[in-house]
Amino acid sequence: MATISPYLTVDDGPAALEFYAQAFGAEVVERYDDGDQVAHATLRVGDAVFFVSSEFPGLGAVAPATVGASTVAVVLTVPDADAVYAAAVLAGARADRPVATDGGGTRSGWLVDPSGHRWNVRGAP
């Protein structure tokens, strides 16, 4: 596991796990449910791990939709930014900034997942 890994709170845990699988090829490594909510899930994309849970407002865990915005973004480096970006949009993400080549020659685009989290999909160098 990396030194730092994001932990995303979502408004619909089961739907978010399905989105991350379809959009980014995420594999659920472990999952614990609390009724129809995802109490905790560990997901892997390539060699990166991130965590997801449904909202639990009593514990201070609320999703971007609840507070009206996301104050963080996740950077996802992949072999083919165009393909992953297209898959994410097809899976339900909202296109924010289309994939384009930056000044350094890297293909990169921004999208917002169905839970309201911002993602920067970047091509591997």
N, C-alpha and C. Protein backbone atom coordinates (compact mmCIF):
# COMPACT_ATOMS: atom_id res chain seq x y z
N MET A 1 0.84 -1.18 0.00
CA MET A 1 0.00 0.00 0.00
C MET A 1 0.89 1.24 0.00
N ALA A 2 0.43 2.28 -0.65
CA ALA A 2 1.16 3.54 -0.71
C ALA A 2 1.19 4.21 0.66
N THR A 3 2.06 5.18 0.81
CA THR A 3 2.16 5.90 2.07
C THR A 3 0.88 6.67 2.38
N ILE A 4 0.21 7.15 1.35
CA ILE A 4 -1.05 7.87 1.55
C ILE A 4 -2.06 7.35 0.53
N SER A 5 -3.27 7.13 0.97
CA SER A 5 -4.33 6.62 0.10
C SER A 5 -5.62 7.36 0.39
N PRO A 6 -6.37 7.76 -0.64
CA PRO A 6 -7.63 8.47 -0.41
C PRO A 6 -8.71 7.57 0.18
N TYR A 7 -9.57 8.17 0.99
CA TYR A 7 -10.73 7.47 1.54
C TYR A 7 -11.94 8.31 1.14
N LEU A 8 -12.75 7.79 0.23
CA LEU A 8 -13.88 8.54 -0.32
C LEU A 8 -15.18 8.15 0.36
N THR A 9 -15.94 9.15 0.76
CA THR A 9 -17.28 8.94 1.29
C THR A 9 -18.27 9.23 0.17
N VAL A 10 -19.20 8.32 -0.03
CA VAL A 10 -20.14 8.41 -1.14
C VAL A 10 -21.57 8.32 -0.63
N ASP A 11 -22.51 8.83 -1.41
CA ASP A 11 -23.91 8.80 -0.97
C ASP A 11 -24.58 7.46 -1.23
N ASP A 12 -24.06 6.66 -2.15
CA ASP A 12 -24.61 5.33 -2.45
C ASP A 12 -23.44 4.37 -2.64
N GLY A 13 -23.06 3.71 -1.57
CA GLY A 13 -21.88 2.84 -1.59
C GLY A 13 -21.91 1.76 -2.64
N PRO A 14 -22.97 0.94 -2.70
CA PRO A 14 -22.99 -0.13 -3.70
C PRO A 14 -22.89 0.41 -5.13
N ALA A 15 -23.58 1.50 -5.44
CA ALA A 15 -23.51 2.09 -6.78
C ALA A 15 -22.11 2.63 -7.07
N ALA A 16 -21.47 3.22 -6.07
CA ALA A 16 -20.12 3.76 -6.26
C ALA A 16 -19.13 2.64 -6.57
N LEU A 17 -19.22 1.52 -5.86
CA LEU A 17 -18.31 0.41 -6.12
C LEU A 17 -18.49 -0.10 -7.55
N GLU A 18 -19.71 -0.17 -7.99
CA GLU A 18 -19.98 -0.61 -9.36
C GLU A 18 -19.41 0.40 -10.37
N PHE A 19 -19.59 1.70 -10.10
CA PHE A 19 -19.02 2.72 -10.98
C PHE A 19 -17.51 2.60 -11.07
N TYR A 20 -16.83 2.49 -9.93
CA TYR A 20 -15.36 2.43 -9.94
C TYR A 20 -14.87 1.19 -10.67
N ALA A 21 -15.62 0.09 -10.59
CA ALA A 21 -15.24 -1.13 -11.32
C ALA A 21 -15.39 -0.91 -12.83
N GLN A 22 -16.53 -0.35 -13.24
CA GLN A 22 -16.78 -0.12 -14.67
C GLN A 22 -15.86 0.96 -15.23
N ALA A 23 -15.71 2.05 -14.53
CA ALA A 23 -14.98 3.20 -15.05
C ALA A 23 -13.48 3.02 -15.02
N PHE A 24 -12.96 2.48 -13.91
CA PHE A 24 -11.51 2.45 -13.70
C PHE A 24 -10.94 1.04 -13.59
N GLY A 25 -11.81 0.03 -13.70
CA GLY A 25 -11.33 -1.34 -13.54
C GLY A 25 -10.96 -1.67 -12.11
N ALA A 26 -11.56 -0.97 -11.15
CA ALA A 26 -11.25 -1.19 -9.73
C ALA A 26 -11.68 -2.58 -9.29
N GLU A 27 -10.82 -3.20 -8.51
CA GLU A 27 -11.11 -4.50 -7.92
C GLU A 27 -11.39 -4.30 -6.44
N VAL A 28 -12.50 -4.84 -5.96
CA VAL A 28 -12.82 -4.77 -4.54
C VAL A 28 -11.98 -5.82 -3.82
N VAL A 29 -11.09 -5.37 -2.96
CA VAL A 29 -10.20 -6.27 -2.21
C VAL A 29 -10.89 -6.75 -0.95
N GLU A 30 -11.59 -5.85 -0.29
CA GLU A 30 -12.39 -6.24 0.89
C GLU A 30 -13.59 -5.32 0.97
N ARG A 31 -14.67 -5.85 1.55
CA ARG A 31 -15.91 -5.07 1.67
C ARG A 31 -16.66 -5.51 2.92
N TYR A 32 -17.11 -4.53 3.68
CA TYR A 32 -17.92 -4.78 4.87
C TYR A 32 -19.18 -3.93 4.75
N ASP A 33 -20.32 -4.56 4.85
CA ASP A 33 -21.59 -3.86 4.73
C ASP A 33 -22.23 -3.66 6.09
N ASP A 34 -23.03 -2.62 6.17
CA ASP A 34 -23.85 -2.32 7.34
C ASP A 34 -25.26 -2.14 6.79
N GLY A 35 -26.02 -3.23 6.76
CA GLY A 35 -27.32 -3.19 6.11
C GLY A 35 -27.12 -3.01 4.61
N ASP A 36 -27.79 -2.01 4.04
CA ASP A 36 -27.63 -1.76 2.61
C ASP A 36 -26.54 -0.72 2.32
N GLN A 37 -25.77 -0.36 3.33
CA GLN A 37 -24.67 0.61 3.20
C GLN A 37 -23.32 -0.10 3.17
N VAL A 38 -22.35 0.51 2.52
CA VAL A 38 -20.98 0.00 2.53
C VAL A 38 -20.29 0.65 3.72
N ALA A 39 -20.02 -0.13 4.75
CA ALA A 39 -19.33 0.40 5.93
C ALA A 39 -17.87 0.70 5.61
N HIS A 40 -17.25 -0.15 4.80
CA HIS A 40 -15.86 0.05 4.38
C HIS A 40 -15.58 -0.87 3.20
N ALA A 41 -14.87 -0.34 2.21
CA ALA A 41 -14.39 -1.16 1.10
C ALA A 41 -12.98 -0.70 0.74
N THR A 42 -12.14 -1.66 0.43
CA THR A 42 -10.80 -1.39 -0.07
C THR A 42 -10.80 -1.76 -1.54
N LEU A 43 -10.40 -0.83 -2.39
CA LEU A 43 -10.36 -1.06 -3.83
C LEU A 43 -8.94 -0.90 -4.34
N ARG A 44 -8.64 -1.64 -5.40
CA ARG A 44 -7.31 -1.56 -6.01
C ARG A 44 -7.48 -1.25 -7.49
N VAL A 45 -6.68 -0.28 -7.97
CA VAL A 45 -6.57 0.02 -9.39
C VAL A 45 -5.08 -0.02 -9.69
N GLY A 46 -4.67 -1.00 -10.47
CA GLY A 46 -3.23 -1.16 -10.72
C GLY A 46 -2.51 -1.43 -9.42
N ASP A 47 -1.50 -0.61 -9.11
CA ASP A 47 -0.77 -0.80 -7.86
C ASP A 47 -1.21 0.18 -6.78
N ALA A 48 -2.34 0.87 -7.00
CA ALA A 48 -2.86 1.85 -6.03
C ALA A 48 -4.07 1.29 -5.28
N VAL A 49 -4.19 1.70 -4.04
CA VAL A 49 -5.32 1.31 -3.20
C VAL A 49 -6.04 2.57 -2.74
N PHE A 50 -7.39 2.50 -2.74
CA PHE A 50 -8.17 3.57 -2.11
C PHE A 50 -9.35 2.94 -1.40
N PHE A 51 -9.95 3.72 -0.53
CA PHE A 51 -11.01 3.23 0.34
C PHE A 51 -12.30 3.99 0.06
N VAL A 52 -13.42 3.31 0.30
CA VAL A 52 -14.74 3.88 0.05
C VAL A 52 -15.67 3.47 1.18
N SER A 53 -16.53 4.42 1.59
CA SER A 53 -17.62 4.06 2.50
C SER A 53 -18.84 4.89 2.14
N SER A 54 -20.00 4.34 2.52
CA SER A 54 -21.23 5.12 2.42
C SER A 54 -21.18 6.21 3.48
N GLU A 55 -22.12 7.14 3.38
CA GLU A 55 -22.20 8.21 4.38
C GLU A 55 -22.59 7.66 5.75
N PHE A 56 -21.97 8.20 6.76
CA PHE A 56 -22.33 7.96 8.15
C PHE A 56 -22.19 9.31 8.85
N PRO A 57 -23.21 10.19 8.70
CA PRO A 57 -23.11 11.56 9.22
C PRO A 57 -22.79 11.64 10.71
N GLY A 58 -23.27 10.67 11.49
CA GLY A 58 -22.98 10.67 12.92
C GLY A 58 -21.51 10.50 13.22
N LEU A 59 -20.76 9.98 12.25
CA LEU A 59 -19.32 9.80 12.40
C LEU A 59 -18.54 10.88 11.66
N GLY A 60 -19.27 11.85 11.07
CA GLY A 60 -18.61 12.92 10.33
C GLY A 60 -18.28 12.54 8.90
N ALA A 61 -18.76 11.41 8.43
CA ALA A 61 -18.49 10.95 7.06
C ALA A 61 -19.66 11.33 6.16
N VAL A 62 -19.47 12.39 5.38
CA VAL A 62 -20.51 12.85 4.46
C VAL A 62 -19.93 12.96 3.05
N ALA A 63 -20.80 12.79 2.07
CA ALA A 63 -20.40 12.79 0.67
C ALA A 63 -20.46 14.20 0.08
N PRO A 64 -19.79 14.42 -1.04
CA PRO A 64 -19.83 15.73 -1.69
C PRO A 64 -21.25 16.20 -1.98
N ALA A 65 -22.15 15.29 -2.37
CA ALA A 65 -23.53 15.69 -2.65
C ALA A 65 -24.21 16.30 -1.43
N THR A 66 -23.86 15.82 -0.25
CA THR A 66 -24.46 16.32 0.98
C THR A 66 -23.98 17.72 1.32
N VAL A 67 -22.68 17.97 1.11
CA VAL A 67 -22.13 19.29 1.45
C VAL A 67 -22.12 20.24 0.27
N GLY A 68 -22.44 19.74 -0.94
CA GLY A 68 -22.55 20.60 -2.10
C GLY A 68 -21.29 20.76 -2.94
N ALA A 69 -20.19 20.13 -2.55
CA ALA A 69 -18.96 20.24 -3.34
C ALA A 69 -17.93 19.26 -2.81
N SER A 70 -16.92 19.01 -3.61
CA SER A 70 -15.79 18.21 -3.19
C SER A 70 -14.59 19.12 -3.08
N THR A 71 -13.85 19.01 -2.01
CA THR A 71 -12.70 19.89 -1.82
C THR A 71 -11.39 19.19 -2.14
N VAL A 72 -11.44 17.95 -2.59
CA VAL A 72 -10.24 17.21 -2.97
C VAL A 72 -10.46 16.60 -4.35
N ALA A 73 -9.35 16.22 -4.98
CA ALA A 73 -9.42 15.50 -6.25
C ALA A 73 -8.47 14.32 -6.18
N VAL A 74 -8.77 13.29 -6.93
CA VAL A 74 -7.94 12.11 -6.98
C VAL A 74 -7.27 12.08 -8.36
N VAL A 75 -5.97 11.89 -8.38
CA VAL A 75 -5.24 11.77 -9.63
C VAL A 75 -5.04 10.29 -9.92
N LEU A 76 -5.49 9.86 -11.09
CA LEU A 76 -5.40 8.46 -11.50
C LEU A 76 -4.51 8.40 -12.74
N THR A 77 -3.34 7.80 -12.62
CA THR A 77 -2.41 7.66 -13.74
C THR A 77 -2.61 6.28 -14.36
N VAL A 78 -2.88 6.29 -15.66
CA VAL A 78 -3.21 5.06 -16.39
C VAL A 78 -2.44 5.01 -17.70
N PRO A 79 -2.33 3.83 -18.30
CA PRO A 79 -1.61 3.74 -19.57
C PRO A 79 -2.27 4.54 -20.70
N ASP A 80 -3.62 4.61 -20.72
CA ASP A 80 -4.35 5.27 -21.80
C ASP A 80 -5.43 6.17 -21.22
N ALA A 81 -5.12 7.44 -21.04
CA ALA A 81 -6.06 8.38 -20.43
C ALA A 81 -7.34 8.52 -21.25
N ASP A 82 -7.22 8.53 -22.55
CA ASP A 82 -8.41 8.69 -23.40
C ASP A 82 -9.39 7.54 -23.19
N ALA A 83 -8.89 6.31 -23.16
CA ALA A 83 -9.75 5.14 -23.01
C ALA A 83 -10.41 5.10 -21.63
N VAL A 84 -9.65 5.38 -20.58
CA VAL A 84 -10.20 5.35 -19.22
C VAL A 84 -11.20 6.48 -19.03
N TYR A 85 -10.90 7.66 -19.53
CA TYR A 85 -11.82 8.81 -19.45
C TYR A 85 -13.14 8.45 -20.13
N ALA A 86 -13.07 7.89 -21.34
CA ALA A 86 -14.28 7.51 -22.08
C ALA A 86 -15.07 6.45 -21.32
N ALA A 87 -14.37 5.47 -20.73
CA ALA A 87 -15.06 4.43 -19.96
C ALA A 87 -15.76 5.03 -18.74
N ALA A 88 -15.12 5.98 -18.09
CA ALA A 88 -15.72 6.62 -16.91
C ALA A 88 -16.97 7.40 -17.29
N VAL A 89 -16.92 8.13 -18.38
CA VAL A 89 -18.10 8.88 -18.83
C VAL A 89 -19.22 7.92 -19.21
N LEU A 90 -18.88 6.85 -19.89
CA LEU A 90 -19.87 5.84 -20.26
C LEU A 90 -20.49 5.21 -19.02
N ALA A 91 -19.70 5.05 -17.95
CA ALA A 91 -20.19 4.45 -16.71
C ALA A 91 -21.00 5.43 -15.86
N GLY A 92 -21.03 6.72 -16.24
CA GLY A 92 -21.87 7.67 -15.50
C GLY A 92 -21.16 8.89 -14.97
N ALA A 93 -19.86 9.05 -15.21
CA ALA A 93 -19.16 10.25 -14.75
C ALA A 93 -19.58 11.44 -15.60
N ARG A 94 -19.45 12.64 -15.02
CA ARG A 94 -19.71 13.87 -15.76
C ARG A 94 -18.38 14.40 -16.27
N ALA A 95 -18.29 14.59 -17.58
CA ALA A 95 -17.08 15.17 -18.16
C ALA A 95 -16.95 16.61 -17.67
N ASP A 96 -15.77 16.95 -17.17
CA ASP A 96 -15.51 18.32 -16.72
C ASP A 96 -14.60 19.03 -17.71
N ARG A 97 -13.40 18.50 -17.89
CA ARG A 97 -12.47 19.02 -18.90
C ARG A 97 -12.01 17.83 -19.73
N PRO A 98 -12.24 17.86 -21.03
CA PRO A 98 -11.88 16.71 -21.85
C PRO A 98 -10.38 16.45 -21.86
N VAL A 99 -10.02 15.23 -22.19
CA VAL A 99 -8.61 14.85 -22.27
C VAL A 99 -7.93 15.70 -23.35
N ALA A 100 -6.80 16.25 -22.98
CA ALA A 100 -6.00 17.06 -23.90
C ALA A 100 -4.53 16.86 -23.54
N THR A 101 -3.67 17.27 -24.43
CA THR A 101 -2.23 17.15 -24.18
C THR A 101 -1.74 18.44 -23.54
N ASP A 102 -1.08 18.31 -22.36
CA ASP A 102 -0.57 19.50 -21.68
C ASP A 102 0.79 19.90 -22.25
N GLY A 103 1.35 20.96 -21.72
CA GLY A 103 2.63 21.48 -22.20
C GLY A 103 3.77 20.50 -22.11
N GLY A 104 3.67 19.53 -21.20
CA GLY A 104 4.72 18.52 -21.05
C GLY A 104 4.50 17.29 -21.90
N GLY A 105 3.41 17.27 -22.68
CA GLY A 105 3.13 16.14 -23.55
C GLY A 105 2.29 15.05 -22.92
N THR A 106 1.76 15.28 -21.72
CA THR A 106 0.94 14.28 -21.03
C THR A 106 -0.53 14.47 -21.38
N ARG A 107 -1.21 13.38 -21.68
CA ARG A 107 -2.66 13.42 -21.93
C ARG A 107 -3.37 13.39 -20.58
N SER A 108 -4.30 14.32 -20.38
CA SER A 108 -4.95 14.45 -19.08
C SER A 108 -6.34 15.06 -19.25
N GLY A 109 -7.29 14.59 -18.45
CA GLY A 109 -8.64 15.16 -18.45
C GLY A 109 -9.25 15.07 -17.06
N TRP A 110 -10.26 15.88 -16.82
CA TRP A 110 -10.93 15.93 -15.51
C TRP A 110 -12.38 15.49 -15.67
N LEU A 111 -12.86 14.74 -14.67
CA LEU A 111 -14.26 14.34 -14.63
C LEU A 111 -14.74 14.30 -13.19
N VAL A 112 -16.05 14.21 -13.03
CA VAL A 112 -16.67 14.13 -11.71
C VAL A 112 -17.46 12.82 -11.66
N ASP A 113 -17.15 11.99 -10.66
CA ASP A 113 -17.85 10.70 -10.57
C ASP A 113 -19.28 10.91 -10.07
N PRO A 114 -20.15 9.90 -10.18
CA PRO A 114 -21.55 10.05 -9.77
C PRO A 114 -21.73 10.44 -8.30
N SER A 115 -20.71 10.21 -7.46
CA SER A 115 -20.80 10.60 -6.06
C SER A 115 -20.34 12.03 -5.81
N GLY A 116 -19.81 12.70 -6.85
CA GLY A 116 -19.38 14.09 -6.72
C GLY A 116 -17.89 14.28 -6.53
N HIS A 117 -17.10 13.22 -6.54
CA HIS A 117 -15.65 13.35 -6.39
C HIS A 117 -15.01 13.69 -7.73
N ARG A 118 -14.01 14.58 -7.69
CA ARG A 118 -13.29 15.01 -8.89
C ARG A 118 -12.10 14.08 -9.13
N TRP A 119 -11.90 13.70 -10.38
CA TRP A 119 -10.81 12.82 -10.79
C TRP A 119 -10.05 13.46 -11.93
N ASN A 120 -8.72 13.41 -11.84
CA ASN A 120 -7.85 13.80 -12.94
C ASN A 120 -7.29 12.51 -13.51
N VAL A 121 -7.71 12.15 -14.73
CA VAL A 121 -7.23 10.95 -15.39
C VAL A 121 -6.06 11.36 -16.28
N ARG A 122 -4.86 10.82 -15.95
CA ARG A 122 -3.62 11.20 -16.64
C ARG A 122 -2.97 9.98 -17.28
N GLY A 123 -2.40 10.21 -18.43
CA GLY A 123 -1.65 9.16 -19.10
C GLY A 123 -0.31 8.95 -18.41
N ALA A 124 0.12 7.69 -18.37
CA ALA A 124 1.42 7.38 -17.77
C ALA A 124 2.52 7.97 -18.67
N PRO A 125 3.58 8.44 -18.05
CA PRO A 125 4.68 9.01 -18.85
C PRO A 125 5.35 7.97 -19.73
